Amino acid sequence: MSDVRLQLLAKELDAGQQTKVFSAPAGLGVVGLMLHRWHTRRALLELDDDQLRDIGLSRQQAREEGRKPFWKA
């Protein structure tokens, strides 16, 4: 890691900031949430290795998440 990134990380930790986790948009309801999961999990399976590396996932992690049933969180 570069010195700049380490300094930024230290500032985030000092400020109590956490990594943002993106979730489904609010107000979807049960059916909307299930559809959101289905679409995003299918899209995850279509990412190439460079795209997976960009989001910090291995091929195995993407496969495990992408193959989960849409009704499971």
C-alpha atoms as a PDB file:
ATOM      1  CA  MET A   1       0.000   0.000   0.000  1.00  0.00           C
ATOM      2  CA  SER A   2       1.197   3.494  -0.684  1.00  0.00           C
ATOM      3  CA  ASP A   3       1.929   5.942   2.115  1.00  0.00           C
ATOM      4  CA  VAL A   4      -0.968   8.096   0.951  1.00  0.00           C
ATOM      5  CA  ARG A   5      -3.440   5.224   1.191  1.00  0.00           C
ATOM      6  CA  LEU A   6      -2.125   4.220   4.608  1.00  0.00           C
ATOM      7  CA  GLN A   7      -2.562   7.779   5.846  1.00  0.00           C
ATOM      8  CA  LEU A   8      -6.110   7.910   4.489  1.00  0.00           C
ATOM      9  CA  LEU A   9      -6.922   4.573   6.084  1.00  0.00           C
ATOM     10  CA  ALA A  10      -5.571   5.773   9.428  1.00  0.00           C
ATOM     11  CA  LYS A  11      -7.732   8.910   9.226  1.00  0.00           C
ATOM     12  CA  GLU A  12     -10.823   6.810   8.429  1.00  0.00           C
ATOM     13  CA  LEU A  13     -10.129   4.558  11.394  1.00  0.00           C
ATOM     14  CA  ASP A  14      -9.549   7.523  13.693  1.00  0.00           C
ATOM     15  CA  ALA A  15     -12.818   9.073  12.548  1.00  0.00           C
ATOM     16  CA  GLY A  16     -14.678   5.809  13.168  1.00  0.00           C
ATOM     17  CA  GLN A  17     -15.687   5.496   9.530  1.00  0.00           C
ATOM     18  CA  GLN A  18     -16.476   2.100   8.135  1.00  0.00           C
ATOM     19  CA  THR A  19     -16.441   0.751   4.627  1.00  0.00           C
ATOM     20  CA  LYS A  20     -19.752   1.370   2.924  1.00  0.00           C
ATOM     21  CA  VAL A  21     -21.737  -1.737   2.126  1.00  0.00           C
ATOM     22  CA  PHE A  22     -24.222  -1.314  -0.664  1.00  0.00           C
ATOM     23  CA  SER A  23     -27.571  -2.949  -0.216  1.00  0.00           C
ATOM     24  CA  ALA A  24     -30.915  -2.955  -1.929  1.00  0.00           C
ATOM     25  CA  PRO A  25     -32.695   0.396  -2.266  1.00  0.00           C
ATOM     26  CA  ALA A  26     -35.076   1.192   0.565  1.00  0.00           C
ATOM     27  CA  GLY A  27     -38.778   0.553   0.112  1.00  0.00           C
ATOM     28  CA  LEU A  28     -38.568  -2.373  -2.292  1.00  0.00           C
ATOM     29  CA  GLY A  29     -40.756  -4.744  -0.339  1.00  0.00           C
ATOM     30  CA  VAL A  30     -40.251  -8.490  -0.223  1.00  0.00           C
ATOM     31  CA  VAL A  31     -40.807  -9.188  -3.922  1.00  0.00           C
ATOM     32  CA  GLY A  32     -38.656  -6.248  -4.983  1.00  0.00           C
ATOM     33  CA  LEU A  33     -35.864  -7.343  -2.675  1.00  0.00           C
ATOM     34  CA  MET A  34     -35.936 -10.858  -4.087  1.00  0.00           C
ATOM     35  CA  LEU A  35     -35.830  -9.526  -7.661  1.00  0.00           C
ATOM     36  CA  HIS A  36     -32.945  -7.225  -6.740  1.00  0.00           C
ATOM     37  CA  ARG A  37     -31.008 -10.173  -5.309  1.00  0.00           C
ATOM     38  CA  TRP A  38     -31.726 -12.303  -8.367  1.00  0.00           C
ATOM     39  CA  HIS A  39     -30.518  -9.626 -10.808  1.00  0.00           C
ATOM     40  CA  THR A  40     -27.409  -8.663  -8.856  1.00  0.00           C
ATOM     41  CA  ARG A  41     -26.377 -12.260  -8.228  1.00  0.00           C
ATOM     42  CA  ARG A  42     -26.745 -13.109 -11.912  1.00  0.00           C
ATOM     43  CA  ALA A  43     -24.681 -10.041 -12.827  1.00  0.00           C
ATOM     44  CA  LEU A  44     -22.000 -11.105 -10.358  1.00  0.00           C
ATOM     45  CA  LEU A  45     -21.600 -14.417 -12.181  1.00  0.00           C
ATOM     46  CA  GLU A  46     -20.963 -12.569 -15.453  1.00  0.00           C
ATOM     47  CA  LEU A  47     -18.067 -10.419 -14.209  1.00  0.00           C
ATOM     48  CA  ASP A  48     -14.605 -11.153 -15.568  1.00  0.00           C
ATOM     49  CA  ASP A  49     -11.497 -11.551 -13.404  1.00  0.00           C
ATOM     50  CA  ASP A  50     -10.452  -7.892 -13.735  1.00  0.00           C
ATOM     51  CA  GLN A  51     -13.895  -6.688 -12.664  1.00  0.00           C
ATOM     52  CA  LEU A  52     -13.933  -9.077  -9.715  1.00  0.00           C
ATOM     53  CA  ARG A  53     -10.496  -7.851  -8.669  1.00  0.00           C
ATOM     54  CA  ASP A  54     -11.822  -4.264  -8.813  1.00  0.00           C
ATOM     55  CA  ILE A  55     -14.555  -5.079  -6.311  1.00  0.00           C
ATOM     56  CA  GLY A  56     -12.274  -7.223  -4.157  1.00  0.00           C
ATOM     57  CA  LEU A  57     -13.806 -10.639  -4.767  1.00  0.00           C
ATOM     58  CA  SER A  58     -12.272 -13.877  -5.900  1.00  0.00           C
ATOM     59  CA  ARG A  59     -13.897 -16.021  -8.571  1.00  0.00           C
ATOM     60  CA  GLN A  60     -14.858 -18.529  -5.856  1.00  0.00           C
ATOM     61  CA  GLN A  61     -16.500 -15.854  -3.667  1.00  0.00           C
ATOM     62  CA  ALA A  62     -18.447 -14.517  -6.646  1.00  0.00           C
ATOM     63  CA  ARG A  63     -19.556 -18.032  -7.573  1.00  0.00           C
ATOM     64  CA  GLU A  64     -20.732 -18.772  -4.013  1.00  0.00           C
ATOM     65  CA  GLU A  65     -22.702 -15.530  -3.776  1.00  0.00           C
ATOM     66  CA  GLY A  66     -24.038 -15.747  -7.320  1.00  0.00           C
ATOM     67  CA  ARG A  67     -25.372 -19.258  -6.813  1.00  0.00           C
ATOM     68  CA  LYS A  68     -27.281 -18.431  -3.624  1.00  0.00           C
ATOM     69  CA  PRO A  69     -31.045 -18.657  -3.995  1.00  0.00           C
ATOM     70  CA  PHE A  70     -32.697 -15.232  -4.302  1.00  0.00           C
ATOM     71  CA  TRP A  71     -34.743 -15.783  -1.141  1.00  0.00           C
ATOM     72  CA  LYS A  72     -31.608 -16.117   1.036  1.00  0.00           C
ATOM     73  CA  ALA A  73     -29.817 -13.038   2.366  1.00  0.00           C
END
